[in-house]
Amino acid sequence: MSEKVQNQATAAQRFWDAFKACLEENRIRPDRSSFYVKWAQAFVDFLLGKKLRDRSREDIESFLEDLRNRPGIEEWQVRQAEHSMKAVKNAALRSGVTKKVSCCYLPRYSGYRVKDIYRVY
């Protein structure tokens, strides 16, 4: 694996670890936070090629509608995914403004560079 690919993978993993920690700091139970992370990762995969910070409310609605049409997905799961989408979108927007991942949406101690995340997402 090239060093660039390895760095991107490391940045992505730190982002998701920090996002999970943030969810837990904001009253998402640890036994449920991994589901929120999976919804957010599915949203990233839903529109490959479009950076997370550039996604719109319409993109979120499109993803949620796609979920509703999937067999076996219940409405409570769509609501959980929607909550996750709001948190991850706010994290991306806030980190773009502050140039560091901080605020209530991602922990202050994460310490990685946002530009590394945006290369991946």
N, C-alpha and C. Protein backbone atom coordinates (compact mmCIF):
# COMPACT_ATOMS: atom_id res chain seq x y z
N MET A 1 0.85 -1.17 0.00
CA MET A 1 0.00 0.00 0.00
C MET A 1 0.90 1.24 0.00
N SER A 2 0.60 2.20 -0.86
CA SER A 2 1.42 3.40 -0.94
C SER A 2 1.23 4.25 0.32
N GLU A 3 2.19 5.11 0.55
CA GLU A 3 2.14 5.97 1.73
C GLU A 3 0.93 6.91 1.67
N LYS A 4 0.60 7.42 0.49
CA LYS A 4 -0.55 8.32 0.35
C LYS A 4 -1.85 7.61 0.70
N VAL A 5 -2.02 6.40 0.19
CA VAL A 5 -3.23 5.62 0.48
C VAL A 5 -3.29 5.30 1.98
N GLN A 6 -2.15 4.95 2.55
CA GLN A 6 -2.09 4.65 3.98
C GLN A 6 -2.46 5.87 4.81
N ASN A 7 -1.94 7.04 4.42
CA ASN A 7 -2.28 8.28 5.14
C ASN A 7 -3.76 8.60 5.05
N GLN A 8 -4.35 8.38 3.88
CA GLN A 8 -5.79 8.63 3.72
C GLN A 8 -6.61 7.67 4.57
N ALA A 9 -6.20 6.42 4.60
CA ALA A 9 -6.91 5.43 5.41
C ALA A 9 -6.81 5.78 6.89
N THR A 10 -5.65 6.22 7.31
CA THR A 10 -5.45 6.61 8.71
C THR A 10 -6.30 7.82 9.06
N ALA A 11 -6.32 8.82 8.17
CA ALA A 11 -7.14 10.01 8.40
C ALA A 11 -8.61 9.65 8.47
N ALA A 12 -9.05 8.78 7.59
CA ALA A 12 -10.45 8.36 7.58
C ALA A 12 -10.79 7.63 8.88
N GLN A 13 -9.94 6.74 9.32
CA GLN A 13 -10.21 6.00 10.55
C GLN A 13 -10.25 6.95 11.74
N ARG A 14 -9.36 7.93 11.79
CA ARG A 14 -9.38 8.90 12.89
C ARG A 14 -10.67 9.71 12.86
N PHE A 15 -11.11 10.07 11.65
CA PHE A 15 -12.37 10.81 11.54
C PHE A 15 -13.52 10.00 12.14
N TRP A 16 -13.63 8.73 11.74
CA TRP A 16 -14.75 7.92 12.23
C TRP A 16 -14.63 7.63 13.71
N ASP A 17 -13.42 7.43 14.20
CA ASP A 17 -13.24 7.23 15.65
C ASP A 17 -13.65 8.48 16.42
N ALA A 18 -13.26 9.65 15.90
CA ALA A 18 -13.62 10.90 16.56
C ALA A 18 -15.13 11.15 16.48
N PHE A 19 -15.71 10.82 15.34
CA PHE A 19 -17.16 10.99 15.18
C PHE A 19 -17.91 10.10 16.17
N LYS A 20 -17.46 8.87 16.33
CA LYS A 20 -18.09 7.95 17.28
C LYS A 20 -17.97 8.50 18.71
N ALA A 21 -16.79 8.99 19.05
CA ALA A 21 -16.59 9.56 20.38
C ALA A 21 -17.50 10.77 20.59
N CYS A 22 -17.63 11.58 19.56
CA CYS A 22 -18.50 12.75 19.63
C CYS A 22 -19.95 12.35 19.88
N LEU A 23 -20.40 11.35 19.15
CA LEU A 23 -21.77 10.88 19.35
C LEU A 23 -21.99 10.46 20.79
N GLU A 24 -21.03 9.74 21.33
CA GLU A 24 -21.15 9.27 22.71
C GLU A 24 -21.10 10.42 23.70
N GLU A 25 -20.33 11.46 23.39
CA GLU A 25 -20.30 12.64 24.25
C GLU A 25 -21.63 13.39 24.19
N ASN A 26 -22.38 13.18 23.13
CA ASN A 26 -23.65 13.87 22.94
C ASN A 26 -24.83 12.94 23.14
N ARG A 27 -24.72 12.08 24.11
CA ARG A 27 -25.80 11.25 24.62
C ARG A 27 -26.26 10.11 23.71
N ILE A 28 -25.41 9.70 22.80
CA ILE A 28 -25.71 8.46 22.06
C ILE A 28 -25.01 7.34 22.84
N ARG A 29 -25.78 6.35 23.22
CA ARG A 29 -25.21 5.27 24.03
C ARG A 29 -24.12 4.53 23.25
N PRO A 30 -23.04 4.16 23.93
CA PRO A 30 -21.94 3.46 23.26
C PRO A 30 -22.37 2.19 22.52
N ASP A 31 -23.39 1.51 23.02
CA ASP A 31 -23.84 0.30 22.34
C ASP A 31 -24.63 0.61 21.07
N ARG A 32 -24.93 1.88 20.82
CA ARG A 32 -25.65 2.28 19.61
C ARG A 32 -24.83 3.17 18.68
N SER A 33 -23.75 3.74 19.19
CA SER A 33 -22.99 4.70 18.40
C SER A 33 -22.40 4.10 17.12
N SER A 34 -22.04 2.83 17.16
CA SER A 34 -21.47 2.21 15.95
C SER A 34 -22.50 2.15 14.82
N PHE A 35 -23.79 2.06 15.15
CA PHE A 35 -24.83 2.07 14.12
C PHE A 35 -24.91 3.45 13.45
N TYR A 36 -24.78 4.49 14.25
CA TYR A 36 -24.77 5.85 13.71
C TYR A 36 -23.58 6.05 12.78
N VAL A 37 -22.44 5.53 13.19
CA VAL A 37 -21.24 5.63 12.34
C VAL A 37 -21.47 4.89 11.02
N LYS A 38 -22.07 3.72 11.09
CA LYS A 38 -22.33 2.96 9.86
C LYS A 38 -23.28 3.69 8.93
N TRP A 39 -24.29 4.37 9.47
CA TRP A 39 -25.19 5.15 8.63
C TRP A 39 -24.42 6.29 7.96
N ALA A 40 -23.58 6.95 8.71
CA ALA A 40 -22.79 8.06 8.15
C ALA A 40 -21.83 7.55 7.07
N GLN A 41 -21.22 6.40 7.30
CA GLN A 41 -20.34 5.81 6.29
C GLN A 41 -21.13 5.43 5.04
N ALA A 42 -22.33 4.92 5.23
CA ALA A 42 -23.18 4.58 4.07
C ALA A 42 -23.54 5.83 3.28
N PHE A 43 -23.75 6.95 3.97
CA PHE A 43 -24.04 8.21 3.31
C PHE A 43 -22.84 8.67 2.48
N VAL A 44 -21.65 8.52 3.02
CA VAL A 44 -20.43 8.86 2.27
C VAL A 44 -20.36 8.01 1.01
N ASP A 45 -20.63 6.73 1.13
CA ASP A 45 -20.57 5.81 -0.02
C ASP A 45 -21.69 6.05 -1.02
N PHE A 46 -22.79 6.63 -0.56
CA PHE A 46 -23.96 6.84 -1.41
C PHE A 46 -23.67 7.80 -2.56
N LEU A 47 -22.86 8.79 -2.31
CA LEU A 47 -22.53 9.78 -3.35
C LEU A 47 -21.01 9.88 -3.49
N LEU A 48 -20.40 8.81 -3.94
CA LEU A 48 -18.96 8.82 -4.11
C LEU A 48 -18.56 9.93 -5.07
N GLY A 49 -17.49 10.60 -4.75
CA GLY A 49 -17.01 11.67 -5.61
C GLY A 49 -17.48 13.05 -5.17
N LYS A 50 -18.47 13.11 -4.29
CA LYS A 50 -18.94 14.40 -3.79
C LYS A 50 -18.50 14.53 -2.34
N LYS A 51 -17.72 15.55 -2.08
CA LYS A 51 -17.18 15.74 -0.74
C LYS A 51 -18.30 15.94 0.27
N LEU A 52 -18.06 15.45 1.45
CA LEU A 52 -19.05 15.53 2.52
C LEU A 52 -19.47 16.97 2.79
N ARG A 53 -18.53 17.87 2.83
CA ARG A 53 -18.86 19.27 3.12
C ARG A 53 -19.69 19.92 2.03
N ASP A 54 -19.68 19.34 0.82
CA ASP A 54 -20.43 19.90 -0.32
C ASP A 54 -21.82 19.30 -0.48
N ARG A 55 -22.17 18.38 0.37
CA ARG A 55 -23.47 17.73 0.24
C ARG A 55 -24.58 18.60 0.80
N SER A 56 -25.71 18.51 0.19
CA SER A 56 -26.84 19.37 0.54
C SER A 56 -27.90 18.60 1.32
N ARG A 57 -28.89 19.35 1.77
CA ARG A 57 -30.06 18.73 2.42
C ARG A 57 -30.76 17.79 1.45
N GLU A 58 -30.77 18.16 0.17
CA GLU A 58 -31.38 17.29 -0.84
C GLU A 58 -30.63 15.96 -0.96
N ASP A 59 -29.32 16.00 -0.81
CA ASP A 59 -28.53 14.76 -0.83
C ASP A 59 -28.90 13.87 0.35
N ILE A 60 -29.08 14.48 1.50
CA ILE A 60 -29.49 13.73 2.69
C ILE A 60 -30.87 13.13 2.47
N GLU A 61 -31.80 13.93 1.97
CA GLU A 61 -33.15 13.43 1.71
C GLU A 61 -33.15 12.29 0.69
N SER A 62 -32.32 12.41 -0.33
CA SER A 62 -32.21 11.35 -1.33
C SER A 62 -31.70 10.05 -0.71
N PHE A 63 -30.71 10.17 0.16
CA PHE A 63 -30.18 9.00 0.85
C PHE A 63 -31.24 8.37 1.74
N LEU A 64 -31.95 9.19 2.49
CA LEU A 64 -32.99 8.67 3.39
C LEU A 64 -34.12 8.01 2.61
N GLU A 65 -34.48 8.58 1.47
CA GLU A 65 -35.51 7.96 0.63
C GLU A 65 -35.04 6.62 0.09
N ASP A 66 -33.76 6.56 -0.29
CA ASP A 66 -33.18 5.30 -0.74
C ASP A 66 -33.26 4.25 0.38
N LEU A 67 -32.96 4.66 1.60
CA LEU A 67 -33.06 3.74 2.74
C LEU A 67 -34.49 3.23 2.92
N ARG A 68 -35.45 4.14 2.83
CA ARG A 68 -36.86 3.75 2.99
C ARG A 68 -37.29 2.69 1.98
N ASN A 69 -36.68 2.70 0.82
CA ASN A 69 -37.05 1.76 -0.24
C ASN A 69 -36.29 0.44 -0.17
N ARG A 70 -35.37 0.33 0.76
CA ARG A 70 -34.60 -0.92 0.89
C ARG A 70 -35.40 -1.93 1.70
N PRO A 71 -35.41 -3.16 1.23
CA PRO A 71 -36.10 -4.21 2.00
C PRO A 71 -35.46 -4.39 3.38
N GLY A 72 -36.30 -4.52 4.38
CA GLY A 72 -35.82 -4.80 5.73
C GLY A 72 -35.45 -3.58 6.54
N ILE A 73 -35.48 -2.40 5.95
CA ILE A 73 -35.18 -1.18 6.70
C ILE A 73 -36.49 -0.62 7.26
N GLU A 74 -36.51 -0.43 8.56
CA GLU A 74 -37.71 0.09 9.23
C GLU A 74 -37.59 1.59 9.44
N GLU A 75 -38.71 2.23 9.70
CA GLU A 75 -38.73 3.69 9.83
C GLU A 75 -37.83 4.18 10.97
N TRP A 76 -37.75 3.43 12.08
CA TRP A 76 -36.89 3.86 13.17
C TRP A 76 -35.43 3.89 12.73
N GLN A 77 -35.06 3.01 11.81
CA GLN A 77 -33.69 3.01 11.30
C GLN A 77 -33.44 4.23 10.41
N VAL A 78 -34.45 4.61 9.66
CA VAL A 78 -34.33 5.81 8.82
C VAL A 78 -34.17 7.04 9.72
N ARG A 79 -34.93 7.11 10.80
CA ARG A 79 -34.81 8.24 11.74
C ARG A 79 -33.42 8.25 12.39
N GLN A 80 -32.90 7.08 12.73
CA GLN A 80 -31.57 6.98 13.30
C GLN A 80 -30.53 7.46 12.28
N ALA A 81 -30.69 7.04 11.04
CA ALA A 81 -29.78 7.47 9.97
C ALA A 81 -29.86 8.98 9.78
N GLU A 82 -31.07 9.53 9.84
CA GLU A 82 -31.22 10.98 9.68
C GLU A 82 -30.49 11.74 10.78
N HIS A 83 -30.60 11.27 12.00
CA HIS A 83 -29.89 11.89 13.12
C HIS A 83 -28.38 11.83 12.88
N SER A 84 -27.91 10.71 12.40
CA SER A 84 -26.49 10.55 12.09
C SER A 84 -26.05 11.49 10.98
N MET A 85 -26.90 11.65 9.94
CA MET A 85 -26.57 12.54 8.83
C MET A 85 -26.40 13.98 9.31
N LYS A 86 -27.30 14.41 10.18
CA LYS A 86 -27.21 15.77 10.71
C LYS A 86 -25.91 15.97 11.48
N ALA A 87 -25.56 15.00 12.29
CA ALA A 87 -24.34 15.11 13.09
C ALA A 87 -23.09 15.12 12.22
N VAL A 88 -23.02 14.23 11.24
CA VAL A 88 -21.81 14.17 10.42
C VAL A 88 -21.72 15.38 9.50
N LYS A 89 -22.84 15.87 9.00
CA LYS A 89 -22.81 17.07 8.16
C LYS A 89 -22.39 18.28 8.97
N ASN A 90 -22.93 18.42 10.18
CA ASN A 90 -22.52 19.52 11.05
C ASN A 90 -21.04 19.42 11.41
N ALA A 91 -20.56 18.22 11.62
CA ALA A 91 -19.14 18.04 11.93
C ALA A 91 -18.28 18.52 10.76
N ALA A 92 -18.67 18.17 9.56
CA ALA A 92 -17.92 18.58 8.38
C ALA A 92 -17.97 20.10 8.20
N LEU A 93 -19.14 20.69 8.39
CA LEU A 93 -19.28 22.14 8.22
C LEU A 93 -18.50 22.89 9.29
N ARG A 94 -18.62 22.46 10.53
CA ARG A 94 -17.93 23.15 11.62
C ARG A 94 -16.43 22.99 11.50
N SER A 95 -15.96 21.82 11.10
CA SER A 95 -14.52 21.63 10.99
C SER A 95 -13.98 22.45 9.83
N GLY A 96 -14.78 22.65 8.79
CA GLY A 96 -14.34 23.49 7.67
C GLY A 96 -14.21 24.94 8.07
N VAL A 97 -15.02 25.38 9.02
CA VAL A 97 -14.97 26.77 9.47
C VAL A 97 -13.80 26.97 10.42
N THR A 98 -13.59 26.05 11.32
CA THR A 98 -12.58 26.23 12.36
C THR A 98 -11.21 25.72 11.95
N LYS A 99 -11.14 24.96 10.87
CA LYS A 99 -9.91 24.33 10.40
C LYS A 99 -9.39 23.27 11.36
N LYS A 100 -10.14 22.98 12.38
CA LYS A 100 -9.85 21.87 13.28
C LYS A 100 -11.18 21.23 13.61
N VAL A 101 -11.15 19.97 13.84
CA VAL A 101 -12.37 19.30 14.24
C VAL A 101 -12.58 19.61 15.71
N SER A 102 -13.66 20.28 16.00
CA SER A 102 -13.91 20.67 17.37
C SER A 102 -15.41 20.84 17.56
N CYS A 103 -15.79 21.71 18.43
CA CYS A 103 -17.18 21.99 18.76
C CYS A 103 -17.82 20.76 19.41
N CYS A 104 -19.11 20.80 19.51
CA CYS A 104 -19.78 19.68 20.18
C CYS A 104 -19.91 18.47 19.27
N TYR A 105 -19.62 18.61 18.01
CA TYR A 105 -19.85 17.50 17.10
C TYR A 105 -18.67 16.56 16.97
N LEU A 106 -17.49 17.02 17.26
CA LEU A 106 -16.33 16.13 17.30
C LEU A 106 -15.45 16.58 18.46
N PRO A 107 -14.81 15.64 19.12
CA PRO A 107 -14.05 15.99 20.32
C PRO A 107 -12.86 16.90 20.02
N ARG A 108 -12.60 17.80 20.94
CA ARG A 108 -11.49 18.74 20.78
C ARG A 108 -10.15 18.04 20.75
N TYR A 109 -10.04 16.89 21.36
CA TYR A 109 -8.76 16.22 21.47
C TYR A 109 -8.37 15.42 20.24
N SER A 110 -9.19 15.41 19.21
CA SER A 110 -8.90 14.57 18.05
C SER A 110 -7.60 14.96 17.36
N GLY A 111 -7.35 16.26 17.16
CA GLY A 111 -6.06 16.74 16.75
C GLY A 111 -5.60 16.45 15.33
N TYR A 112 -6.39 15.92 14.46
CA TYR A 112 -5.93 15.68 13.11
C TYR A 112 -6.31 16.85 12.22
N ARG A 113 -5.72 16.89 11.05
CA ARG A 113 -5.97 18.01 10.15
C ARG A 113 -7.17 17.73 9.28
N VAL A 114 -8.04 18.71 9.19
CA VAL A 114 -9.26 18.57 8.42
C VAL A 114 -8.95 18.33 6.95
N LYS A 115 -7.93 18.97 6.41
CA LYS A 115 -7.64 18.79 4.99
C LYS A 115 -7.35 17.32 4.67
N ASP A 116 -6.82 16.58 5.63
CA ASP A 116 -6.60 15.15 5.40
C ASP A 116 -7.92 14.41 5.24
N ILE A 117 -8.91 14.80 6.00
CA ILE A 117 -10.23 14.16 5.90
C ILE A 117 -10.88 14.51 4.59
N TYR A 118 -10.80 15.77 4.19
CA TYR A 118 -11.46 16.19 2.96
C TYR A 118 -10.84 15.56 1.74
N ARG A 119 -9.60 15.14 1.80
CA ARG A 119 -9.02 14.40 0.68
C ARG A 119 -9.76 13.08 0.49
N VAL A 120 -10.17 12.50 1.60
CA VAL A 120 -10.85 11.21 1.56
C VAL A 120 -12.34 11.42 1.30
N TYR A 121 -12.95 12.39 1.97
CA TYR A 121 -14.39 12.61 1.88
C TYR A 121 -14.70 13.90 1.20
